[in-house]
């Protein structure tokens, strides 16, 4: 968390210089089990005035985003398993029909 002075803290980071980033706040994205699955961060050209409010809001978004990413991965896993279990059944049905 850098509520102000990001460019001064990282003078060699060209992206921060180009974007004129003054503040940065990041939190972990976690799955329901608590494992980290990523990061959610915001950058601004202005300093963060109310760090506690900004962090609380970002954590709310991170909780929701983490749950949604986890749900999306779970659905994708279910679809993959479903395809794997269907393929042998179709093949067996073809063999039986002949």
Protein backbone atom coordinates (compact mmCIF):
# COMPACT_ATOMS: atom_id res chain seq x y z
CA UNK A 1 0.00 0.00 0.00
CA UNK A 2 1.33 3.39 -1.03
CA UNK A 3 -1.25 6.12 -0.35
CA UNK A 4 1.11 8.72 -1.85
CA UNK A 5 4.56 9.10 -3.37
CA UNK A 6 4.57 6.00 -5.57
CA UNK A 7 6.68 7.55 -8.35
CA UNK A 8 9.20 8.80 -5.80
CA UNK A 9 9.37 5.35 -4.15
CA UNK A 10 9.88 3.60 -7.52
CA UNK A 11 11.71 6.09 -9.75
CA UNK A 12 12.95 3.39 -12.15
CA UNK A 13 9.45 2.08 -12.92
CA UNK A 14 8.72 3.66 -16.29
CA UNK A 15 5.05 2.63 -16.32
CA UNK A 16 4.41 4.48 -13.05
CA UNK A 17 6.20 7.51 -14.45
CA UNK A 18 4.31 7.40 -17.76
CA UNK A 19 0.93 7.02 -16.03
CA UNK A 20 1.81 9.65 -13.40
CA UNK A 21 0.78 7.26 -10.61
CA UNK A 22 0.77 8.93 -7.19
CA UNK A 23 -0.94 6.23 -5.11
CA UNK A 24 -1.35 2.46 -5.17
CA UNK A 25 -3.45 0.06 -3.12
CA UNK A 26 -3.58 -3.70 -3.58
CA UNK A 27 -5.18 -6.64 -1.78
CA UNK A 28 -5.10 -10.40 -2.23
CA UNK A 29 -7.85 -12.28 -4.04
CA UNK A 30 -8.65 -15.46 -2.15
CA UNK A 31 -10.83 -18.47 -2.75
CA UNK A 32 -13.33 -19.53 -0.05
CA UNK A 33 -10.67 -21.81 1.51
CA UNK A 34 -8.41 -18.78 1.97
CA UNK A 35 -5.81 -19.67 -0.67
CA UNK A 36 -4.49 -16.74 -2.70
CA UNK A 37 -5.62 -16.81 -6.33
CA UNK A 38 -4.44 -13.36 -7.39
CA UNK A 39 -4.31 -9.67 -6.61
CA UNK A 40 -6.64 -6.73 -7.07
CA UNK A 41 -5.01 -3.32 -7.18
CA UNK A 42 -5.85 0.26 -8.01
CA UNK A 43 -3.59 3.14 -8.98
CA UNK A 44 -4.44 6.82 -9.07
CA UNK A 45 -2.84 10.10 -10.07
CA UNK A 46 -4.04 11.58 -6.78
CA UNK A 47 -3.02 10.53 -3.27
CA UNK A 48 -5.45 8.38 -1.29
CA UNK A 49 -6.96 10.63 1.35
CA UNK A 50 -8.92 8.09 3.38
CA UNK A 51 -6.78 4.95 3.31
CA UNK A 52 -9.06 2.99 5.66
CA UNK A 53 -12.14 3.61 3.53
CA UNK A 54 -10.28 2.86 0.29
CA UNK A 55 -8.89 -0.39 1.69
CA UNK A 56 -12.29 -1.45 3.07
CA UNK A 57 -13.93 -0.84 -0.29
CA UNK A 58 -11.18 -2.64 -2.19
CA UNK A 59 -11.47 -5.63 0.16
CA UNK A 60 -15.21 -5.82 -0.55
CA UNK A 61 -14.54 -5.88 -4.28
CA UNK A 62 -11.70 -8.38 -3.80
CA UNK A 63 -13.93 -10.75 -1.80
CA UNK A 64 -16.57 -10.67 -4.53
CA UNK A 65 -14.04 -10.95 -7.35
CA UNK A 66 -12.29 -13.87 -5.64
CA UNK A 67 -15.59 -15.70 -5.16
CA UNK A 68 -16.54 -15.10 -8.80
CA UNK A 69 -13.18 -16.30 -10.12
CA UNK A 70 -13.42 -19.38 -7.90
CA UNK A 71 -16.98 -20.07 -9.12
CA UNK A 72 -15.91 -19.66 -12.74
CA UNK A 73 -13.02 -22.11 -12.26
CA UNK A 74 -15.32 -24.61 -10.51
CA UNK A 75 -17.84 -24.46 -13.38
CA UNK A 76 -15.05 -24.94 -15.93
CA UNK A 77 -13.76 -27.95 -13.96
CA UNK A 78 -17.26 -29.48 -13.86
CA UNK A 79 -17.66 -29.03 -17.62
CA UNK A 80 -14.29 -30.69 -18.28
CA UNK A 81 -15.20 -33.65 -16.05
CA UNK A 82 -18.60 -33.93 -17.69
CA UNK A 83 -17.01 -34.05 -21.16
CA UNK A 84 -14.57 -36.74 -20.02
CA UNK A 85 -17.33 -38.93 -18.60
CA UNK A 86 -19.61 -38.47 -21.61
CA UNK A 87 -17.02 -39.41 -24.23
CA UNK A 88 -16.62 -43.05 -23.09
CA UNK A 89 -20.41 -43.46 -22.87
CA UNK A 90 -20.92 -42.30 -26.46
CA UNK A 91 -18.16 -44.63 -27.62
CA UNK A 92 -19.68 -47.56 -25.71
CA UNK A 93 -23.10 -46.80 -27.18
CA UNK A 94 -21.63 -46.86 -30.67
CA UNK A 95 -20.01 -50.23 -30.07
CA UNK A 96 -23.20 -51.74 -28.63
CA UNK A 97 -25.33 -50.45 -31.52
CA UNK A 98 -23.15 -52.16 -34.13
